[in-house]
Amino acid sequence: MEDRIEATLDLTDCKYLGELHQRIKSALKFPDHYGANWSAFWDSLSMDCPVEYVRIVGESTMPEDLKKHLDKMHEILDRCKAQRASWGLYFGYEIVD
C-alpha cells in the first residue's frame, strides 16, 4: 500500500462556525485566502488540497446548533471522494469519536 497524505481535523470543543472553518483551514493546509464558507471549502478541497485522507475527531463534543454544518461538511467530503474516484484518484475520510 502506498503512502497517503493524511490530516487530522480535530473539532474537539469547537463552538462556532468561524472556529470550525479555521480548524479546517489549519488541518488541511488551505491557503491564506480561504474564504471560510462551504463554497470555499469545496473549492479548496477539490483544487488546492493534496490531502488524500482526513481523520475527523471530536464531532460529538460540538454544540447541537453546529450539527447542520457538520452535515454540510460531510456532504462536501463525500462529493470530493466521488469526484476524485471518477478521476481514478483516492480520497477518504473517517469520523473518529
Protein backbone atom coordinates (compact mmCIF):
# COMPACT_ATOMS: atom_id res chain seq x y z
CA MET A 1 0.00 0.00 0.00
CA GLU A 2 1.43 3.34 -0.98
CA ASP A 3 1.74 6.18 1.49
CA ARG A 4 -1.16 8.60 1.55
CA ILE A 5 -1.13 12.21 2.60
CA GLU A 6 -3.22 12.28 5.75
CA ALA A 7 -4.57 15.00 8.02
CA THR A 8 -6.37 15.04 11.34
CA LEU A 9 -9.17 17.55 11.76
CA ASP A 10 -9.67 17.97 15.50
CA LEU A 11 -13.06 19.52 16.25
CA THR A 12 -12.97 18.86 20.00
CA ASP A 13 -14.93 21.58 21.80
CA CYS A 14 -15.30 23.68 18.64
CA LYS A 15 -18.07 26.14 19.48
CA TYR A 16 -18.55 28.45 16.48
CA LEU A 17 -18.82 28.20 12.71
CA GLY A 18 -15.87 30.55 12.21
CA GLU A 19 -13.77 28.39 14.51
CA LEU A 20 -14.82 25.29 12.54
CA HIS A 21 -13.57 26.84 9.31
CA GLN A 22 -10.34 27.99 10.98
CA ARG A 23 -9.67 24.43 12.14
CA ILE A 24 -10.44 23.10 8.66
CA LYS A 25 -8.07 25.64 7.11
CA SER A 26 -5.29 24.75 9.52
CA ALA A 27 -5.68 20.97 9.36
CA LEU A 28 -5.96 20.77 5.58
CA LYS A 29 -3.34 23.46 4.97
CA PHE A 30 -5.66 25.60 2.90
CA PRO A 31 -4.24 28.86 1.51
CA ASP A 32 -4.39 32.13 3.45
CA HIS A 33 -7.13 33.39 1.13
CA TYR A 34 -9.50 30.55 2.17
CA GLY A 35 -12.95 32.16 2.32
CA ALA A 36 -14.26 30.33 5.41
CA ASN A 37 -17.56 29.23 3.85
CA TRP A 38 -18.79 25.98 2.30
CA SER A 39 -18.23 27.12 -1.29
CA ALA A 40 -14.63 27.97 -0.44
CA PHE A 41 -14.29 24.63 1.36
CA TRP A 42 -15.35 22.80 -1.80
CA ASP A 43 -13.07 24.90 -3.99
CA SER A 44 -10.04 24.43 -1.75
CA LEU A 45 -10.68 20.74 -1.17
CA SER A 46 -11.24 19.91 -4.82
CA MET A 47 -8.49 22.09 -6.31
CA ASP A 48 -5.81 23.05 -3.78
CA CYS A 49 -5.69 20.22 -1.26
CA PRO A 50 -3.10 17.45 -1.52
CA VAL A 51 -4.63 15.58 1.44
CA GLU A 52 -5.97 12.17 0.48
CA TYR A 53 -7.32 11.01 3.83
CA VAL A 54 -8.91 13.03 6.65
CA ARG A 55 -9.41 11.71 10.16
CA ILE A 56 -12.06 13.78 11.95
CA VAL A 57 -12.14 13.71 15.74
CA GLY A 58 -14.27 15.48 18.31
CA GLU A 59 -17.53 15.93 16.41
CA SER A 60 -19.56 14.65 19.36
CA THR A 61 -18.20 17.45 21.57
CA MET A 62 -19.63 20.19 19.36
CA PRO A 63 -22.85 22.04 20.21
CA GLU A 64 -26.09 20.84 18.64
CA ASP A 65 -26.52 24.04 16.59
CA LEU A 66 -23.35 23.22 14.62
CA LYS A 67 -24.57 19.75 13.59
CA LYS A 68 -26.16 21.08 10.37
CA HIS A 69 -22.75 22.44 9.41
CA LEU A 70 -21.18 19.05 10.04
CA ASP A 71 -23.76 17.54 7.69
CA LYS A 72 -22.73 20.05 5.02
CA MET A 73 -19.04 19.30 5.61
CA HIS A 74 -19.70 15.54 5.25
CA GLU A 75 -21.70 16.15 2.06
CA ILE A 76 -18.78 18.05 0.53
CA LEU A 77 -16.26 15.41 1.66
CA ASP A 78 -18.43 12.74 0.01
CA ARG A 79 -18.63 14.82 -3.17
CA CYS A 80 -14.85 15.19 -3.20
CA LYS A 81 -14.48 11.42 -2.73
CA ALA A 82 -16.75 10.75 -5.71
CA GLN A 83 -15.04 13.35 -7.88
CA ARG A 84 -11.56 12.03 -7.19
CA ALA A 85 -12.74 8.46 -7.76
CA SER A 86 -14.07 9.49 -11.18
CA TRP A 87 -10.56 10.72 -11.97
CA GLY A 88 -9.00 7.48 -10.74
CA LEU A 89 -7.69 9.15 -7.56
CA TYR A 90 -8.20 8.25 -3.93
CA PHE A 91 -9.82 10.37 -1.24
CA GLY A 92 -11.32 9.19 2.01
CA TYR A 93 -12.26 10.29 5.48
CA GLU A 94 -13.40 8.78 8.73
CA ILE A 95 -15.12 10.15 11.80
CA VAL A 96 -13.43 9.01 14.99
CA ASP A 97 -15.21 9.83 18.24
